[in-house]
Amino acid sequence: MLWENCYYNLKDSLMSNAKITWPKWLRDDHSVVSCTEKVKVMNENFDELKQIAQDALEDGLLMEVSESQMREALHQLVESLVNPYKR
């Protein structure tokens, strides 16, 4: 019970309900991706990624992992992504 209270208090203090405004999505030639459905999918994907990353950060903090290490690990994760369409 004590752990649950600690978890929910920490989670409440860390959660930001502020909606992020994602950038205008651009093509390699710097033209704007204007298809409504494409933009919607990109924004939804990033909303989901933000929530998953937030959950992972909170879990790490609850397990007493250093915040700076958690953030570095998340940065490394992004840096390790591979573009399978690279020409």
Protein backbone atom coordinates (compact mmCIF):
# COMPACT_ATOMS: atom_id res chain seq x y z
CA MET A 1 0.00 0.00 0.00
CA LEU A 2 2.81 2.42 0.90
CA TRP A 3 4.57 1.64 -2.40
CA GLU A 4 1.37 2.31 -4.32
CA ASN A 5 0.94 5.71 -2.62
CA CYS A 6 4.56 6.57 -3.39
CA TYR A 7 4.10 5.47 -7.00
CA TYR A 8 0.94 7.49 -7.60
CA ASN A 9 2.25 10.60 -5.82
CA LEU A 10 5.44 10.54 -7.88
CA LYS A 11 3.56 9.77 -11.06
CA ASP A 12 1.14 12.67 -10.45
CA SER A 13 4.00 15.07 -9.80
CA LEU A 14 5.86 13.99 -12.93
CA MET A 15 2.95 13.82 -15.33
CA SER A 16 2.53 16.77 -17.60
CA ASN A 17 -0.89 16.97 -19.17
CA ALA A 18 0.27 19.79 -21.41
CA LYS A 19 -0.36 18.88 -25.01
CA ILE A 20 2.77 19.17 -27.11
CA THR A 21 2.47 20.92 -30.42
CA TRP A 22 4.58 18.86 -32.79
CA PRO A 23 6.52 20.63 -35.53
CA LYS A 24 5.32 21.04 -39.08
CA TRP A 25 6.47 17.87 -40.76
CA LEU A 26 8.89 18.54 -43.62
CA ARG A 27 10.16 16.51 -46.55
CA ASP A 28 13.87 16.29 -47.36
CA ASP A 29 13.42 19.16 -49.83
CA HIS A 30 11.97 21.26 -46.94
CA SER A 31 8.46 21.36 -48.38
CA VAL A 32 5.67 20.85 -45.86
CA VAL A 33 3.86 17.52 -45.62
CA SER A 34 0.32 18.79 -46.00
CA CYS A 35 -1.73 15.59 -46.29
CA THR A 36 -4.08 15.72 -43.30
CA GLU A 37 -3.99 11.97 -42.74
CA LYS A 38 -0.18 11.81 -42.86
CA VAL A 39 0.12 14.66 -40.38
CA LYS A 40 -2.48 13.06 -38.12
CA VAL A 41 -0.62 9.72 -38.12
CA MET A 42 2.73 11.41 -37.41
CA ASN A 43 1.26 13.41 -34.51
CA GLU A 44 -0.44 10.34 -33.05
CA ASN A 45 2.80 8.33 -33.36
CA PHE A 46 4.71 11.03 -31.48
CA ASP A 47 2.00 11.31 -28.81
CA GLU A 48 2.34 7.56 -28.24
CA LEU A 49 6.15 7.72 -28.19
CA LYS A 50 6.05 10.54 -25.63
CA GLN A 51 3.77 8.52 -23.36
CA ILE A 52 5.89 5.36 -23.65
CA ALA A 53 9.07 7.34 -22.93
CA GLN A 54 7.38 9.06 -19.99
CA ASP A 55 6.27 5.71 -18.57
CA ALA A 56 9.79 4.27 -18.97
CA LEU A 57 11.32 7.30 -17.26
CA GLU A 58 8.89 7.09 -14.36
CA ASP A 59 9.45 3.35 -13.96
CA GLY A 60 13.20 3.89 -13.88
CA LEU A 61 12.87 6.64 -11.28
CA LEU A 62 10.63 4.46 -9.12
CA MET A 63 13.28 1.73 -9.34
CA GLU A 64 15.85 4.30 -8.17
CA VAL A 65 17.67 4.57 -11.51
CA SER A 66 19.42 7.91 -11.98
CA GLU A 67 17.33 10.40 -13.94
CA SER A 68 20.35 11.46 -15.97
CA GLN A 69 21.09 7.84 -16.87
CA MET A 70 17.48 7.27 -17.92
CA ARG A 71 17.55 10.36 -20.13
CA GLU A 72 20.88 9.33 -21.67
CA ALA A 73 19.53 5.83 -22.37
CA LEU A 74 16.47 7.34 -24.10
CA HIS A 75 18.75 9.58 -26.20
CA GLN A 76 20.87 6.57 -27.16
CA LEU A 77 17.73 4.69 -28.13
CA VAL A 78 16.73 7.44 -30.55
CA GLU A 79 20.26 7.68 -31.94
CA SER A 80 20.26 3.92 -32.63
CA LEU A 81 17.19 4.06 -34.88
CA VAL A 82 17.91 3.01 -38.47
CA ASN A 83 16.37 4.50 -41.60
CA PRO A 84 15.50 1.48 -43.77
CA TYR A 85 14.61 3.79 -46.69
CA LYS A 86 17.94 5.60 -46.88
CA ARG A 87 18.96 6.12 -50.48
